[in-house]
């Protein structure tokens, strides 16, 4: 049972670190919380059985790194809205072009 929680904790912690580095850093919080929960359960299971706690410490270390990276990115990243006039003009032009193409199509056979 302890091995299952250690495995799930390591997978979740590694996934959290990978997501924290990618532009999808907002999704890193979910596997990080799961890794913390699995790590705590594995810690208490290992404490009862007097097993070594090195892998549990690795889970906690990876989780702390991912939470720190994701938190740092969420605080320092600013969202900027670009010039919407160009986008609206491009959308309007593509709409006009598609209407012209539809008018040119002859459906009668």
Protein backbone atom coordinates (compact mmCIF):
# COMPACT_ATOMS: atom_id res chain seq x y z
CA UNK A 1 0.00 0.00 0.00
CA UNK A 2 2.89 2.34 0.80
CA UNK A 3 4.47 1.59 -2.57
CA UNK A 4 1.23 2.62 -4.33
CA UNK A 5 1.15 6.00 -2.58
CA UNK A 6 4.84 6.57 -3.25
CA UNK A 7 4.34 5.78 -6.93
CA UNK A 8 1.31 8.05 -7.23
CA UNK A 9 3.14 10.78 -5.32
CA UNK A 10 6.21 10.62 -7.56
CA UNK A 11 4.12 10.64 -10.73
CA UNK A 12 2.08 13.58 -9.49
CA UNK A 13 5.15 15.50 -8.33
CA UNK A 14 6.99 15.00 -11.63
CA UNK A 15 3.88 16.03 -13.57
CA UNK A 16 3.59 19.13 -11.39
CA UNK A 17 7.21 20.11 -12.07
CA UNK A 18 6.77 19.62 -15.82
CA UNK A 19 3.57 21.69 -15.86
CA UNK A 20 5.19 24.41 -13.73
CA UNK A 21 7.94 24.86 -16.31
CA UNK A 22 5.58 24.91 -19.31
CA UNK A 23 3.26 27.79 -20.19
CA UNK A 24 0.47 25.75 -18.58
CA UNK A 25 1.80 26.60 -15.13
CA UNK A 26 -1.70 27.25 -13.74
CA UNK A 27 -2.45 23.53 -14.03
CA UNK A 28 0.59 22.60 -11.92
CA UNK A 29 -1.25 23.26 -8.67
CA UNK A 30 -3.60 20.28 -9.04
CA UNK A 31 -0.96 17.52 -9.32
CA UNK A 32 1.15 19.31 -6.69
CA UNK A 33 -1.67 19.12 -4.16
CA UNK A 34 -2.26 15.48 -5.09
CA UNK A 35 1.47 14.77 -4.63
CA UNK A 36 1.38 16.39 -1.19
CA UNK A 37 -1.57 14.26 -0.16
CA UNK A 38 0.02 11.05 -1.48
CA UNK A 39 3.33 11.99 0.16
CA UNK A 40 1.71 12.56 3.55
CA UNK A 41 -0.12 9.23 3.34
CA UNK A 42 3.09 7.43 2.32
CA UNK A 43 4.97 9.17 5.14
CA UNK A 44 2.54 7.95 7.78
CA UNK A 45 2.42 4.44 6.29
CA UNK A 46 6.23 4.31 6.33
CA UNK A 47 6.36 5.68 9.85
CA UNK A 48 4.22 2.78 11.09
CA UNK A 49 6.43 0.22 9.32
CA UNK A 50 9.77 1.94 10.12
CA UNK A 51 10.70 2.16 6.44
CA UNK A 52 13.17 4.67 4.97
CA UNK A 53 11.68 8.03 4.05
CA UNK A 54 14.03 9.12 1.25
CA UNK A 55 11.52 8.75 -1.57
CA UNK A 56 8.85 10.56 0.45
CA UNK A 57 11.30 13.41 0.97
CA UNK A 58 11.90 13.47 -2.79
CA UNK A 59 8.15 13.78 -3.35
CA UNK A 60 8.00 16.73 -0.96
CA UNK A 61 11.04 18.37 -2.57
CA UNK A 62 9.64 18.08 -6.10
CA UNK A 63 6.27 19.36 -4.91
CA UNK A 64 7.81 22.39 -3.21
CA UNK A 65 9.83 23.17 -6.34
CA UNK A 66 6.76 22.95 -8.57
CA UNK A 67 4.64 25.06 -6.22
CA UNK A 68 7.38 27.68 -5.99
CA UNK A 69 7.80 27.86 -9.78
CA UNK A 70 4.07 28.01 -10.48
CA UNK A 71 3.49 30.62 -7.79
CA UNK A 72 6.38 32.74 -9.04
CA UNK A 73 5.11 32.57 -12.62
CA UNK A 74 1.54 33.40 -11.63
CA UNK A 75 2.68 36.45 -9.66
CA UNK A 76 5.15 37.83 -12.20
CA UNK A 77 3.35 37.08 -15.48
CA UNK A 78 1.21 39.90 -16.81
CA UNK A 79 -1.44 39.42 -19.42
CA UNK A 80 -1.43 42.02 -22.16
CA UNK A 81 -4.20 42.62 -24.63
CA UNK A 82 -2.90 43.44 -28.08
CA UNK A 83 -4.35 45.73 -30.71
CA UNK A 84 -7.85 44.40 -31.33
CA UNK A 85 -8.54 46.66 -34.30
CA UNK A 86 -6.29 44.59 -36.55
CA UNK A 87 -7.98 41.39 -35.44
CA UNK A 88 -11.44 42.82 -36.06
CA UNK A 89 -10.40 44.08 -39.50
CA UNK A 90 -8.92 40.69 -40.41
CA UNK A 91 -12.06 38.91 -39.21
CA UNK A 92 -14.25 41.28 -41.21
CA UNK A 93 -12.15 40.74 -44.34
CA UNK A 94 -12.27 36.97 -44.01
CA UNK A 95 -16.04 37.13 -43.53
CA UNK A 96 -16.43 39.21 -46.68
CA UNK A 97 -14.18 36.85 -48.63
CA UNK A 98 -16.15 33.82 -47.52
CA UNK A 99 -19.44 35.48 -48.50
CA UNK A 100 -18.03 36.28 -51.94
CA UNK A 101 -16.90 32.69 -52.39
CA UNK A 102 -20.32 31.39 -51.39
CA UNK A 103 -22.02 33.69 -53.89
CA UNK A 104 -19.80 32.34 -56.69
CA UNK A 105 -20.82 28.73 -56.08
CA UNK A 106 -23.40 27.39 -58.52
CA UNK A 107 -25.60 24.80 -56.85
CA UNK A 108 -27.94 23.98 -59.75
CA UNK A 109 -27.09 20.87 -61.72
